């Protein structure tokens, strides 16, 4: 059983260019030990522009930069909200004495009937 082979984009491009320059599929298949169908697939992809490395990275970089800018704006907005809430928390009066728990609430004052 054959092991799976991996080919670089440059190699695929070179094989496709050799075919398009007039080389026969059979001779390319024998020379590089490749299936004929695989060479035809590479030629189709080459003609479709799949192996053009110059166009793809530029588009991807633009998309990544736009996404990074959007995330940076979001982080900045959240940092401002966090600072605002911290300032609001510092400026609120804290109850003195008794329970300040959110769950139990403030301490209950004794009823008049219990006093005395």
Protein backbone atom coordinates (compact mmCIF):
# COMPACT_ATOMS: atom_id res chain seq x y z
CA UNK A 1 0.00 0.00 0.00
CA UNK A 2 1.32 3.44 -0.94
CA UNK A 3 1.85 6.16 1.58
CA UNK A 4 0.17 9.47 0.97
CA UNK A 5 2.41 12.03 -0.71
CA UNK A 6 2.14 15.79 -0.38
CA UNK A 7 3.15 18.20 -3.12
CA UNK A 8 3.97 21.89 -2.88
CA UNK A 9 2.01 24.48 -4.81
CA UNK A 10 5.15 25.29 -6.81
CA UNK A 11 5.51 21.68 -7.91
CA UNK A 12 1.85 21.47 -8.94
CA UNK A 13 2.18 24.74 -10.83
CA UNK A 14 5.32 23.53 -12.61
CA UNK A 15 3.67 20.27 -13.71
CA UNK A 16 0.59 22.15 -14.96
CA UNK A 17 2.76 24.62 -16.88
CA UNK A 18 4.71 21.78 -18.49
CA UNK A 19 1.44 20.21 -19.62
CA UNK A 20 0.14 23.50 -20.99
CA UNK A 21 3.42 24.09 -22.84
CA UNK A 22 2.79 20.91 -24.84
CA UNK A 23 4.11 18.05 -22.74
CA UNK A 24 1.98 14.89 -22.89
CA UNK A 25 0.13 13.72 -19.78
CA UNK A 26 1.62 10.24 -20.14
CA UNK A 27 5.20 11.43 -20.15
CA UNK A 28 4.59 13.72 -17.16
CA UNK A 29 2.92 10.83 -15.36
CA UNK A 30 5.90 8.55 -15.92
CA UNK A 31 8.53 11.19 -15.18
CA UNK A 32 7.03 12.29 -11.85
CA UNK A 33 5.31 8.98 -10.97
CA UNK A 34 1.88 10.66 -10.77
CA UNK A 35 -1.56 9.46 -11.81
CA UNK A 36 -2.75 11.03 -15.07
CA UNK A 37 -6.01 12.11 -13.50
CA UNK A 38 -4.14 14.01 -10.79
CA UNK A 39 -2.21 15.95 -13.43
CA UNK A 40 -5.49 16.84 -15.16
CA UNK A 41 -6.93 18.02 -11.84
CA UNK A 42 -3.88 20.21 -11.23
CA UNK A 43 -4.13 21.68 -14.73
CA UNK A 44 -7.79 22.53 -14.14
CA UNK A 45 -6.97 24.19 -10.85
CA UNK A 46 -4.07 26.05 -12.44
CA UNK A 47 -6.33 27.38 -15.18
CA UNK A 48 -8.94 28.38 -12.56
CA UNK A 49 -6.29 30.36 -10.67
CA UNK A 50 -6.27 28.25 -7.54
CA UNK A 51 -2.47 28.16 -7.49
CA UNK A 52 -2.12 31.95 -7.65
CA UNK A 53 -0.51 32.73 -4.33
CA UNK A 54 -0.26 36.47 -4.89
CA UNK A 55 -4.01 37.17 -4.82
CA UNK A 56 -5.10 34.93 -1.95
CA UNK A 57 -2.81 36.14 0.86
CA UNK A 58 -3.55 39.79 0.09
CA UNK A 59 -7.28 39.22 0.41
CA UNK A 60 -6.86 37.15 3.55
CA UNK A 61 -4.62 39.79 5.14
CA UNK A 62 -7.21 42.50 4.44
CA UNK A 63 -9.95 40.36 5.99
CA UNK A 64 -7.81 39.64 9.07
CA UNK A 65 -6.88 43.30 9.50
CA UNK A 66 -10.55 44.33 9.32
CA UNK A 67 -11.48 41.68 11.88
CA UNK A 68 -8.63 42.75 14.18
CA UNK A 69 -9.71 46.40 13.95
CA UNK A 70 -13.30 45.47 14.84
CA UNK A 71 -12.13 43.41 17.82
CA UNK A 72 -9.85 46.24 19.01
CA UNK A 73 -12.81 48.66 18.91
CA UNK A 74 -14.89 46.19 20.92
CA UNK A 75 -12.14 45.74 23.51
CA UNK A 76 -11.74 49.51 23.81
CA UNK A 77 -15.47 49.98 24.31
CA UNK A 78 -15.57 47.27 26.97
CA UNK A 79 -12.54 48.76 28.76
CA UNK A 80 -14.31 52.13 28.92
CA UNK A 81 -17.46 50.50 30.31
CA UNK A 82 -15.42 48.64 32.91
CA UNK A 83 -13.66 51.83 34.06
CA UNK A 84 -17.01 53.63 34.25
CA UNK A 85 -18.52 50.87 36.38
CA UNK A 86 -15.47 50.76 38.66
CA UNK A 87 -15.77 54.51 39.21
CA UNK A 88 -19.49 54.22 39.92
CA UNK A 89 -18.83 51.43 42.42
CA UNK A 90 -16.20 53.56 44.23
CA UNK A 91 -18.49 56.56 44.47
CA UNK A 92 -21.50 54.77 45.97
CA UNK A 93 -21.99 54.97 49.72
CA UNK A 94 -21.43 51.71 51.48
CA UNK A 95 -23.75 50.82 54.34
CA UNK A 96 -22.08 50.94 57.73
CA UNK A 97 -22.75 48.13 60.13
CA UNK A 98 -25.13 45.29 59.60
CA UNK A 99 -25.20 42.88 56.79
CA UNK A 100 -24.53 44.29 53.39
CA UNK A 101 -25.06 41.04 51.61
CA UNK A 102 -27.05 41.10 48.44
CA UNK A 103 -28.67 37.82 49.37
CA UNK A 104 -29.77 38.64 52.93
CA UNK A 105 -30.17 42.40 52.50
CA UNK A 106 -29.76 44.97 55.24
CA UNK A 107 -30.37 44.07 58.86
CA UNK A 108 -34.00 44.35 59.91
CA UNK A 109 -34.78 46.92 62.59
CA UNK A 110 -36.59 45.55 65.63
CA UNK A 111 -40.37 45.99 65.74
CA UNK A 112 -41.87 48.22 68.38
CA UNK A 113 -43.75 45.37 70.00
CA UNK A 114 -40.48 43.44 70.45
CA UNK A 115 -38.82 46.37 72.15
CA UNK A 116 -39.50 46.66 75.69
